[in-house]
Amino acid sequence: MKLQVLNVQGTKTKDITLNDNVWGIEPHQQAIYDTVVSQQAALRQGTRKTKTRAEVSGGGRKPWRQKGTGRARQGSIRSPQWRGGGVVFGPTPNINYTKQVNKKVRALAFKSVLSLKAKDSNLIIVDKFEFSKPSTKDMVEVMKNLQIDDQKVLIVTKEKEELVIKSGNNIEGLKTINTKQLNVYDLMNATKLLMTEEAAMAVEEVYA
């Protein structure tokens, strides 16, 4: 697969050939779904909790005597049928929500999403970013030059680049990560994938 490499002015500088085994496969929807679900499940804290009848306060004695009142017998105001009583089978904080996805499925999901972006012309490769200082104005100008200023954009660099990150922090719909942080959810969530040439080659080296 051949793609143009642009500079930050939006001008073509050269063509590069990408490996079809990474950027040109038939997308596997189930692998994408399983990987996204696994990623979202891993973010769940599992801190929800309700008190059982042993944990709520009060109710140390029997509310009224067993017989002779005409009312139903009760042993404790902590019982579940009482307002403010303990909850039966309520959620506990020790639930493990993680869903395991093996390496082959995860790799297939990555390649599927990258192929989707390339197939739908939503993959843009630039030679490099040139910021002498953090500048939102300059980043907005780059987005306009590449004609993606009104879309959700994921920028991927090979290494962590503070100037690029800070320049894009205040732009709505723009997120910057490096190749080590690359994940299927962020790829799917973005309309346009903007990668440096170095980042694209690094990703290809991992998944080829």
Protein backbone atom coordinates (compact mmCIF):
# COMPACT_ATOMS: atom_id res chain seq x y z
CA MET A 1 0.00 0.00 0.00
CA LYS A 2 1.33 3.42 -1.00
CA LEU A 3 0.55 6.57 0.98
CA GLN A 4 1.62 10.17 0.68
CA VAL A 5 3.80 11.74 3.34
CA LEU A 6 2.87 15.37 3.97
CA ASN A 7 4.61 18.17 5.80
CA VAL A 8 2.82 20.35 8.36
CA GLN A 9 1.93 22.79 5.57
CA GLY A 10 -0.11 20.05 3.92
CA THR A 11 2.27 19.63 0.97
CA LYS A 12 3.31 16.21 -0.28
CA THR A 13 6.98 15.44 0.32
CA LYS A 14 7.17 11.81 -0.86
CA ASP A 15 5.40 8.45 -1.06
CA ILE A 16 5.98 5.55 1.30
CA THR A 17 5.04 1.89 0.97
CA LEU A 18 3.25 0.33 3.94
CA ASN A 19 3.00 -3.38 4.70
CA ASP A 20 -0.38 -4.76 3.61
CA ASN A 21 -0.22 -7.30 6.44
CA VAL A 22 -0.65 -4.41 8.86
CA TRP A 23 -2.47 -1.70 6.94
CA GLY A 24 -4.40 -3.67 4.34
CA ILE A 25 -6.06 -6.67 5.98
CA GLU A 26 -9.78 -7.48 6.01
CA PRO A 27 -11.03 -5.94 9.29
CA HIS A 28 -12.12 -8.44 11.94
CA GLN A 29 -15.06 -6.84 13.75
CA GLN A 30 -15.25 -9.41 16.55
CA ALA A 31 -11.59 -8.94 17.45
CA ILE A 32 -12.13 -5.17 17.59
CA TYR A 33 -15.22 -5.58 19.78
CA ASP A 34 -13.57 -8.01 22.20
CA THR A 35 -10.50 -5.80 22.59
CA VAL A 36 -12.49 -2.61 23.21
CA VAL A 37 -14.71 -4.38 25.78
CA SER A 38 -11.59 -5.74 27.49
CA GLN A 39 -10.01 -2.29 27.59
CA GLN A 40 -13.12 -0.62 29.00
CA ALA A 41 -13.65 -3.38 31.57
CA ALA A 42 -10.10 -2.89 32.84
CA LEU A 43 -10.94 0.74 33.64
CA ARG A 44 -13.76 -0.21 36.01
CA GLN A 45 -12.76 0.41 39.62
CA GLY A 46 -15.29 -1.97 41.16
CA THR A 47 -15.77 0.21 44.25
CA ARG A 48 -19.57 0.00 44.50
CA LYS A 49 -20.74 -1.44 47.80
CA THR A 50 -23.92 -1.86 49.88
CA LYS A 51 -24.20 -2.84 53.52
CA THR A 52 -25.52 -6.20 54.59
CA ARG A 53 -27.68 -6.68 57.69
CA ALA A 54 -24.49 -7.37 59.65
CA GLU A 55 -23.03 -3.97 58.70
CA VAL A 56 -25.89 -1.49 59.12
CA SER A 57 -26.18 0.25 62.47
CA GLY A 58 -28.90 -0.35 65.08
CA GLY A 59 -31.17 -3.29 65.70
CA GLY A 60 -29.31 -4.88 68.56
CA ARG A 61 -32.52 -5.92 70.23
CA LYS A 62 -35.84 -7.34 69.14
CA PRO A 63 -38.19 -4.45 68.11
CA TRP A 64 -41.16 -5.87 70.01
CA ARG A 65 -42.12 -9.06 71.75
CA GLN A 66 -42.81 -12.17 69.72
CA LYS A 67 -46.50 -12.59 70.58
CA GLY A 68 -49.47 -10.56 71.65
CA THR A 69 -49.02 -7.35 69.65
CA GLY A 70 -50.98 -8.39 66.56
CA ARG A 71 -48.09 -7.38 64.36
CA ALA A 72 -45.80 -9.62 62.35
CA ARG A 73 -42.88 -11.04 64.29
CA GLN A 74 -39.60 -9.20 63.84
CA GLY A 75 -36.13 -10.00 65.09
CA SER A 76 -34.16 -6.90 64.10
CA ILE A 77 -34.64 -3.55 62.39
CA ARG A 78 -31.54 -4.42 60.38
CA SER A 79 -33.49 -7.04 58.43
CA PRO A 80 -33.80 -6.42 54.65
CA GLN A 81 -37.57 -5.78 54.79
CA TRP A 82 -37.06 -2.71 57.00
CA ARG A 83 -36.39 0.74 55.60
CA GLY A 84 -32.70 1.35 56.19
CA GLY A 85 -32.05 -2.33 56.73
CA GLY A 86 -29.32 -4.40 55.14
CA VAL A 87 -29.33 -5.27 51.45
CA VAL A 88 -29.56 -8.90 50.34
CA PHE A 89 -27.06 -9.97 47.65
CA GLY A 90 -25.95 -6.37 47.07
CA PRO A 91 -22.80 -5.45 45.10
CA THR A 92 -19.43 -5.96 46.76
CA PRO A 93 -16.15 -4.19 45.89
CA ASN A 94 -14.11 -7.34 45.29
CA ILE A 95 -15.56 -8.12 41.86
CA ASN A 96 -12.98 -8.62 39.11
CA TYR A 97 -14.32 -7.04 35.92
CA THR A 98 -11.30 -7.75 33.74
CA LYS A 99 -11.84 -9.62 30.50
CA GLN A 100 -8.86 -11.41 29.03
CA VAL A 101 -8.02 -11.14 25.33
CA ASN A 102 -5.07 -13.12 24.02
CA LYS A 103 -2.19 -11.49 22.17
CA LYS A 104 -3.19 -12.77 18.73
CA VAL A 105 -6.71 -11.34 19.01
CA ARG A 106 -5.39 -8.02 20.30
CA ALA A 107 -2.86 -7.80 17.45
CA LEU A 108 -5.60 -8.67 14.96
CA ALA A 109 -7.77 -5.89 16.41
CA PHE A 110 -4.94 -3.35 16.05
CA LYS A 111 -4.29 -4.31 12.43
CA SER A 112 -8.02 -4.31 11.69
CA VAL A 113 -8.49 -0.75 12.95
CA LEU A 114 -5.36 0.51 11.21
CA SER A 115 -6.57 -1.09 7.98
CA LEU A 116 -9.99 0.53 8.41
CA LYS A 117 -8.39 3.95 8.80
CA ALA A 118 -6.20 3.44 5.73
CA LYS A 119 -9.05 2.00 3.64
CA ASP A 120 -11.39 4.88 4.46
CA SER A 121 -8.70 7.52 3.77
CA ASN A 122 -8.70 8.50 7.44
CA LEU A 123 -4.98 7.88 7.88
CA ILE A 124 -2.67 10.86 7.40
CA ILE A 125 1.10 10.62 7.67
CA VAL A 126 3.33 13.64 8.21
CA ASP A 127 7.11 13.70 8.09
CA LYS A 128 7.43 15.41 11.49
CA PHE A 129 6.04 18.15 13.71
CA GLU A 130 8.04 21.35 14.00
CA PHE A 131 7.23 23.32 17.15
CA SER A 132 9.82 25.60 18.73
CA LYS A 133 7.49 26.15 21.71
CA PRO A 134 4.02 25.02 22.82
CA SER A 135 1.50 26.83 20.63
CA THR A 136 -2.20 26.10 20.27
CA LYS A 137 -2.33 28.59 17.41
CA ASP A 138 0.36 26.71 15.47
CA MET A 139 -1.38 23.37 16.05
CA VAL A 140 -4.69 24.79 14.82
CA GLU A 141 -2.86 26.01 11.72
CA VAL A 142 -1.45 22.50 11.12
CA MET A 143 -4.94 21.00 11.44
CA LYS A 144 -6.27 23.51 8.92
CA ASN A 145 -3.42 22.81 6.50
CA LEU A 146 -4.24 19.10 6.67
CA GLN A 147 -7.99 19.86 6.39
CA ILE A 148 -8.88 18.01 9.59
CA ASP A 149 -9.53 20.97 11.89
CA ASP A 150 -13.22 20.14 12.38
CA GLN A 151 -12.85 16.43 13.22
CA LYS A 152 -11.83 14.17 16.09
CA VAL A 153 -8.12 13.58 15.60
CA LEU A 154 -5.70 11.16 17.22
CA ILE A 155 -2.06 12.19 16.84
CA VAL A 156 0.49 9.41 17.25
CA THR A 157 4.20 10.12 17.61
CA LYS A 158 6.98 7.57 18.07
CA GLU A 159 8.18 9.01 21.36
CA LYS A 160 6.54 11.32 23.86
CA GLU A 161 6.79 14.85 22.42
CA GLU A 162 5.89 17.45 25.03
CA LEU A 163 5.66 20.34 22.56
CA VAL A 164 3.14 18.46 20.43
CA ILE A 165 1.12 17.38 23.48
CA LYS A 166 0.98 20.88 25.00
CA SER A 167 0.18 22.48 21.65
CA GLY A 168 -2.87 20.25 21.27
CA ASN A 169 -4.10 20.19 24.88
CA ASN A 170 -6.62 23.01 24.45
CA ILE A 171 -8.04 21.84 21.14
CA GLU A 172 -11.36 20.06 21.44
CA GLY A 173 -11.45 16.60 19.88
CA LEU A 174 -7.65 16.32 19.63
CA LYS A 175 -5.63 13.73 21.55
CA THR A 176 -1.90 13.06 21.37
CA ILE A 177 -0.24 9.77 22.34
CA ASN A 178 2.93 7.89 21.48
CA THR A 179 3.23 4.40 19.99
CA LYS A 180 3.64 2.80 23.44
CA GLN A 181 0.25 4.23 24.46
CA LEU A 182 -1.50 3.22 21.25
CA ASN A 183 -4.75 1.36 21.90
CA VAL A 184 -7.76 0.13 19.95
CA TYR A 185 -10.32 2.28 21.80
CA ASP A 186 -8.57 5.57 20.98
CA LEU A 187 -8.10 4.47 17.38
CA MET A 188 -11.80 3.67 17.02
CA ASN A 189 -12.86 6.83 18.83
CA ALA A 190 -10.99 9.12 16.44
CA THR A 191 -12.27 10.11 13.01
CA LYS A 192 -8.79 10.86 11.66
CA LEU A 193 -5.51 9.18 12.56
CA LEU A 194 -2.53 11.51 12.18
CA MET A 195 0.82 9.77 12.51
CA THR A 196 4.40 10.79 12.03
CA GLU A 197 6.34 8.68 9.55
CA GLU A 198 8.52 7.38 12.39
CA ALA A 199 5.45 6.31 14.37
CA ALA A 200 3.93 4.48 11.40
CA MET A 201 7.16 2.59 10.80
CA ALA A 202 7.44 1.69 14.50
CA VAL A 203 3.88 0.33 14.57
CA GLU A 204 4.50 -1.64 11.39
CA GLU A 205 7.64 -3.16 12.86
CA VAL A 206 5.66 -4.45 15.87
CA TYR A 207 2.69 -5.91 14.00
CA ALA A 208 4.17 -7.00 10.66
